[in-house]
Amino acid sequence: MFGNVYQRLPRPPSHLDDETESIQFLTNLGDQVVRIGYVVTAGGVNYYLTDLKLNPHETRAIDLRKLRDAQQADFKKNKIPAGATDGSVLWNRIEHVPVMGQLVVLQRHRGMASPYTCFMCTCGLSFQFITMTPATINLLPNQTAQDAAMAAYVNCNWTFFYNDVTLSTDWWSSYPYIATVNNTTQKGRVTGVAGGTTTIGGSYTDYVVDDSWYPDYACYYYPWTSYNGNTAKVCDFSIQGSANPTCNGSTLNHSVYQAYVSGGCTVVPYPYGSHLTYVGQGSVDPKDSATTQDYITVPTLHAYYWAGPGPGAVVPQFTIKFEETQSAIYRERTDPVCQ
């Protein structure tokens, strides 16, 4: 099968058992690189290959058993069911390049090979839109994570295929003071800057294919740009509250400190990752070093201490772990109590 390929229903069946193997062969007959949309359906699950491409005149063999047994999730977090023995495959080219393909089902001890070819759509895949994955990126300040852009395409029967276009997408951040995104050397790399949320956006242009309005069944291509984005959430906090400046050596001082959380993040309570405490400097003698932590509202530290006649300070120390990142930030500050 050549050129504009779509394997129509009934889909060429794949089969895997102790005696049978299924191998997909694809050959690029052209003089330029071609991207391939590819989906395996088994057990009611669609599994997408999003980075399949063929160099000029390259032949690629896709071993469906190895693909199943690898149990590697696709960008939708789908996996080919580990026990699947029967399924089907669909594939199509994206660029206007001739491609030949055949699914071969091999029966080892019978010396048989059953080839399955396909019928053809008039044209190849038609670009529809891009989507960013994951839907939300959770970070701490200075942490990085990789964003990805997937382009959605359809064939003549409106079956969807996806291709990773991260490196070809134009990236931006709505609020770079919260999180930045690399648009040059490491495209799609997001870095947290400060607490808050921002949209990480991108645009990608490819061709929509139209053969439905013309009597000659020719393939007509026109460019289409899609815009989309996802959310970057940066978890951070600051320590609020101040120490009592009294230091006459006889007054038991009580200061309240609270963690102001930004980014809309959820704090993991003590003792499961967060911890609040304080130490005294100079003339400050902690009366009670145990922490009182209130997570009904915000993480709160009650510091009780004696302040002597000399210079001293109270140092609240906050370790806050966030559910979103499953990692923690340590911050402290120094409050003088003797002026």
Foldseek 3Di string as FASTA:
>chain_A
DKFFDKFDPVFDKAFDDPFKWKKKKKFFQFQAKWAKFKWKDFPNDIATDAADIAGHGDMDIDTVLCQQCVQDADLVRDGHPNPTGMTGMIMGIADRTMMAMWMWMGGHPVRDIDIDGGDGQLHTWFWDAKDKPPQEAEAAAFDKDAIWIWIWTAGPVGDITIHTCQLQKAKAKPDVCQKGADRPDRGRMIGGHDAAKIKIKIKHKDWGWDQPPDPVSHTDIDIDMHMDTHMYGYKDWDKDWAWALDAAQPDWTKTKIFIGIGRPFAWDDPPPWKDKFKDKFDQKAWPDGDFDFDRVPTGMGITIIHHHPDKMWMKIWIWTATPSVRHTDIDIDIHINHD
